[in-house]
Amino acid sequence: MTKADIKSLYKVMFTEYPDVVNVQQLSEMLGGISDKTIYRLLKSEKIKSLYVGKRYLIPKPYVIDYLTHSDAEKSLA
């Protein structure tokens, strides 16, 4: 997937969320999966994120990047 493709998806997907989301918002974006699963995905770097202070911050393009790769379904299983 090219940067242009990701930019196009970014404009359409998740418009109700801020540009950088927290763990709870990411859980909602991924269909309500548990915080434990979210932390596992973040710590394993399957979803890229920024760790600031004691919080994970996840830019929306990283969420879209994760969702557009074929191993996303395997990670959620």
N, C-alpha and C. Protein backbone atom coordinates (compact mmCIF):
# COMPACT_ATOMS: atom_id res chain seq x y z
N MET A 1 0.85 -1.18 0.00
CA MET A 1 0.00 0.00 0.00
C MET A 1 0.90 1.24 0.00
N THR A 2 0.58 2.16 -0.86
CA THR A 2 1.38 3.37 -0.98
C THR A 2 0.92 4.42 0.03
N LYS A 3 1.75 5.44 0.20
CA LYS A 3 1.39 6.54 1.10
C LYS A 3 0.12 7.23 0.62
N ALA A 4 -0.04 7.35 -0.67
CA ALA A 4 -1.23 7.99 -1.23
C ALA A 4 -2.49 7.19 -0.89
N ASP A 5 -2.38 5.86 -0.95
CA ASP A 5 -3.52 5.01 -0.60
C ASP A 5 -3.90 5.20 0.87
N ILE A 6 -2.90 5.22 1.72
CA ILE A 6 -3.15 5.39 3.15
C ILE A 6 -3.77 6.76 3.43
N LYS A 7 -3.27 7.78 2.75
CA LYS A 7 -3.86 9.12 2.91
C LYS A 7 -5.32 9.13 2.52
N SER A 8 -5.65 8.45 1.43
CA SER A 8 -7.05 8.38 0.97
C SER A 8 -7.92 7.69 2.01
N LEU A 9 -7.44 6.58 2.54
CA LEU A 9 -8.19 5.87 3.58
C LEU A 9 -8.34 6.72 4.83
N TYR A 10 -7.29 7.43 5.17
CA TYR A 10 -7.28 8.27 6.37
C TYR A 10 -8.39 9.30 6.32
N LYS A 11 -8.66 9.83 5.14
CA LYS A 11 -9.70 10.86 4.99
C LYS A 11 -11.10 10.29 5.18
N VAL A 12 -11.25 8.99 4.90
CA VAL A 12 -12.56 8.37 4.94
C VAL A 12 -12.83 7.62 6.24
N MET A 13 -11.82 6.93 6.74
CA MET A 13 -12.01 6.07 7.92
C MET A 13 -11.87 6.85 9.23
N PHE A 14 -12.66 6.49 10.18
CA PHE A 14 -12.53 6.97 11.55
C PHE A 14 -12.56 8.50 11.68
N THR A 15 -13.40 9.15 10.91
CA THR A 15 -13.45 10.62 10.95
C THR A 15 -13.93 11.15 12.30
N GLU A 16 -14.64 10.32 13.06
CA GLU A 16 -15.15 10.78 14.36
C GLU A 16 -14.10 10.75 15.47
N TYR A 17 -12.93 10.19 15.17
CA TYR A 17 -11.85 10.10 16.16
C TYR A 17 -10.80 11.18 15.92
N PRO A 18 -10.09 11.59 16.98
CA PRO A 18 -9.01 12.57 16.80
C PRO A 18 -7.85 11.96 16.01
N ASP A 19 -6.92 12.79 15.57
CA ASP A 19 -5.79 12.32 14.77
C ASP A 19 -4.88 11.36 15.52
N VAL A 20 -4.82 11.51 16.83
CA VAL A 20 -4.03 10.62 17.68
C VAL A 20 -4.96 10.08 18.75
N VAL A 21 -5.09 8.75 18.82
CA VAL A 21 -6.05 8.14 19.74
C VAL A 21 -5.34 7.47 20.92
N ASN A 22 -6.11 7.20 21.96
CA ASN A 22 -5.58 6.49 23.12
C ASN A 22 -6.04 5.02 23.05
N VAL A 23 -5.70 4.26 24.07
CA VAL A 23 -6.00 2.83 24.08
C VAL A 23 -7.51 2.57 24.02
N GLN A 24 -8.29 3.31 24.78
CA GLN A 24 -9.73 3.10 24.79
C GLN A 24 -10.35 3.40 23.43
N GLN A 25 -9.91 4.48 22.80
CA GLN A 25 -10.43 4.82 21.47
C GLN A 25 -10.01 3.77 20.45
N LEU A 26 -8.78 3.29 20.55
CA LEU A 26 -8.31 2.25 19.63
C LEU A 26 -9.15 0.99 19.79
N SER A 27 -9.50 0.66 21.02
CA SER A 27 -10.36 -0.50 21.26
C SER A 27 -11.69 -0.34 20.53
N GLU A 28 -12.29 0.83 20.60
CA GLU A 28 -13.54 1.10 19.89
C GLU A 28 -13.35 0.97 18.39
N MET A 29 -12.25 1.51 17.88
CA MET A 29 -11.98 1.50 16.44
C MET A 29 -11.84 0.07 15.92
N LEU A 30 -11.36 -0.82 16.77
CA LEU A 30 -11.13 -2.22 16.37
C LEU A 30 -12.27 -3.13 16.80
N GLY A 31 -13.43 -2.56 17.01
CA GLY A 31 -14.61 -3.36 17.27
C GLY A 31 -14.81 -3.77 18.71
N GLY A 32 -14.20 -3.05 19.63
CA GLY A 32 -14.42 -3.33 21.04
C GLY A 32 -13.57 -4.43 21.63
N ILE A 33 -12.42 -4.71 21.01
CA ILE A 33 -11.55 -5.73 21.59
C ILE A 33 -11.01 -5.24 22.93
N SER A 34 -10.59 -6.15 23.76
CA SER A 34 -10.20 -5.80 25.13
C SER A 34 -8.94 -4.96 25.19
N ASP A 35 -8.82 -4.21 26.28
CA ASP A 35 -7.61 -3.41 26.50
C ASP A 35 -6.38 -4.31 26.57
N LYS A 36 -6.55 -5.49 27.15
CA LYS A 36 -5.43 -6.44 27.26
C LYS A 36 -4.90 -6.79 25.86
N THR A 37 -5.80 -7.04 24.93
CA THR A 37 -5.40 -7.35 23.56
C THR A 37 -4.75 -6.13 22.90
N ILE A 38 -5.29 -4.95 23.15
CA ILE A 38 -4.71 -3.72 22.60
C ILE A 38 -3.28 -3.56 23.09
N TYR A 39 -3.07 -3.72 24.40
CA TYR A 39 -1.71 -3.57 24.95
C TYR A 39 -0.76 -4.62 24.35
N ARG A 40 -1.27 -5.83 24.12
CA ARG A 40 -0.43 -6.87 23.50
C ARG A 40 -0.02 -6.47 22.09
N LEU A 41 -0.95 -5.91 21.33
CA LEU A 41 -0.65 -5.47 19.97
C LEU A 41 0.34 -4.30 19.97
N LEU A 42 0.20 -3.41 20.93
CA LEU A 42 1.10 -2.25 21.01
C LEU A 42 2.50 -2.67 21.47
N LYS A 43 2.58 -3.51 22.49
CA LYS A 43 3.88 -3.94 23.00
C LYS A 43 4.65 -4.77 21.99
N SER A 44 3.93 -5.56 21.20
CA SER A 44 4.59 -6.38 20.17
C SER A 44 4.88 -5.58 18.90
N GLU A 45 4.45 -4.32 18.90
CA GLU A 45 4.63 -3.40 17.77
C GLU A 45 3.91 -3.85 16.51
N LYS A 46 2.86 -4.66 16.67
CA LYS A 46 2.02 -4.98 15.51
C LYS A 46 1.22 -3.75 15.10
N ILE A 47 0.91 -2.91 16.11
CA ILE A 47 0.36 -1.58 15.85
C ILE A 47 1.41 -0.61 16.36
N LYS A 48 1.92 0.20 15.47
CA LYS A 48 2.93 1.19 15.86
C LYS A 48 2.28 2.23 16.76
N SER A 49 3.07 2.77 17.67
CA SER A 49 2.53 3.77 18.60
C SER A 49 3.67 4.61 19.16
N LEU A 50 3.28 5.62 19.89
CA LEU A 50 4.22 6.46 20.63
C LEU A 50 3.94 6.23 22.10
N TYR A 51 4.97 6.09 22.89
CA TYR A 51 4.80 5.93 24.34
C TYR A 51 5.28 7.22 24.98
N VAL A 52 4.34 7.99 25.50
CA VAL A 52 4.64 9.30 26.06
C VAL A 52 4.23 9.31 27.53
N GLY A 53 5.19 9.56 28.40
CA GLY A 53 4.88 9.49 29.83
C GLY A 53 4.53 8.06 30.19
N LYS A 54 3.30 7.86 30.60
CA LYS A 54 2.82 6.52 30.91
C LYS A 54 1.66 6.12 30.01
N ARG A 55 1.59 6.74 28.83
CA ARG A 55 0.46 6.50 27.93
C ARG A 55 0.92 6.13 26.54
N TYR A 56 0.14 5.25 25.92
CA TYR A 56 0.33 4.97 24.50
C TYR A 56 -0.52 5.96 23.72
N LEU A 57 0.06 6.55 22.70
CA LEU A 57 -0.66 7.41 21.77
C LEU A 57 -0.49 6.80 20.38
N ILE A 58 -1.58 6.67 19.67
CA ILE A 58 -1.56 5.96 18.39
C ILE A 58 -2.12 6.88 17.30
N PRO A 59 -1.25 7.35 16.39
CA PRO A 59 -1.74 8.14 15.26
C PRO A 59 -2.65 7.28 14.36
N LYS A 60 -3.72 7.86 13.85
CA LYS A 60 -4.66 7.11 13.02
C LYS A 60 -4.01 6.42 11.81
N PRO A 61 -3.02 7.03 11.15
CA PRO A 61 -2.41 6.30 10.03
C PRO A 61 -1.80 4.96 10.45
N TYR A 62 -1.33 4.85 11.70
CA TYR A 62 -0.79 3.58 12.18
C TYR A 62 -1.91 2.54 12.32
N VAL A 63 -3.08 2.98 12.73
CA VAL A 63 -4.23 2.07 12.84
C VAL A 63 -4.62 1.58 11.46
N ILE A 64 -4.70 2.49 10.52
CA ILE A 64 -5.07 2.13 9.15
C ILE A 64 -4.02 1.21 8.54
N ASP A 65 -2.76 1.49 8.80
CA ASP A 65 -1.69 0.63 8.31
C ASP A 65 -1.85 -0.79 8.85
N TYR A 66 -2.14 -0.90 10.13
CA TYR A 66 -2.35 -2.21 10.74
C TYR A 66 -3.53 -2.93 10.10
N LEU A 67 -4.61 -2.23 9.91
CA LEU A 67 -5.82 -2.85 9.36
C LEU A 67 -5.68 -3.26 7.90
N THR A 68 -4.80 -2.62 7.18
CA THR A 68 -4.66 -2.92 5.76
C THR A 68 -3.63 -4.02 5.48
N HIS A 69 -2.99 -4.52 6.50
CA HIS A 69 -2.04 -5.63 6.31
C HIS A 69 -2.73 -6.95 6.62
N SER A 70 -2.36 -7.98 5.91
CA SER A 70 -3.05 -9.26 5.98
C SER A 70 -2.96 -9.95 7.33
N ASP A 71 -1.94 -9.62 8.15
CA ASP A 71 -1.80 -10.32 9.43
C ASP A 71 -2.67 -9.72 10.54
N ALA A 72 -3.47 -8.71 10.25
CA ALA A 72 -4.32 -8.09 11.27
C ALA A 72 -5.30 -9.10 11.85
N GLU A 73 -5.91 -9.93 11.00
CA GLU A 73 -6.87 -10.91 11.49
C GLU A 73 -6.22 -11.93 12.40
N LYS A 74 -5.01 -12.36 12.08
CA LYS A 74 -4.30 -13.33 12.90
C LYS A 74 -3.98 -12.75 14.27
N SER A 75 -3.65 -11.45 14.34
CA SER A 75 -3.31 -10.81 15.61
C SER A 75 -4.49 -10.73 16.55
N LEU A 76 -5.68 -10.60 16.00
CA LEU A 76 -6.88 -10.45 16.82
C LEU A 76 -7.42 -11.80 17.28
N ALA A 77 -6.96 -12.87 16.68
CA ALA A 77 -7.47 -14.22 17.04
C ALA A 77 -6.98 -14.68 18.37
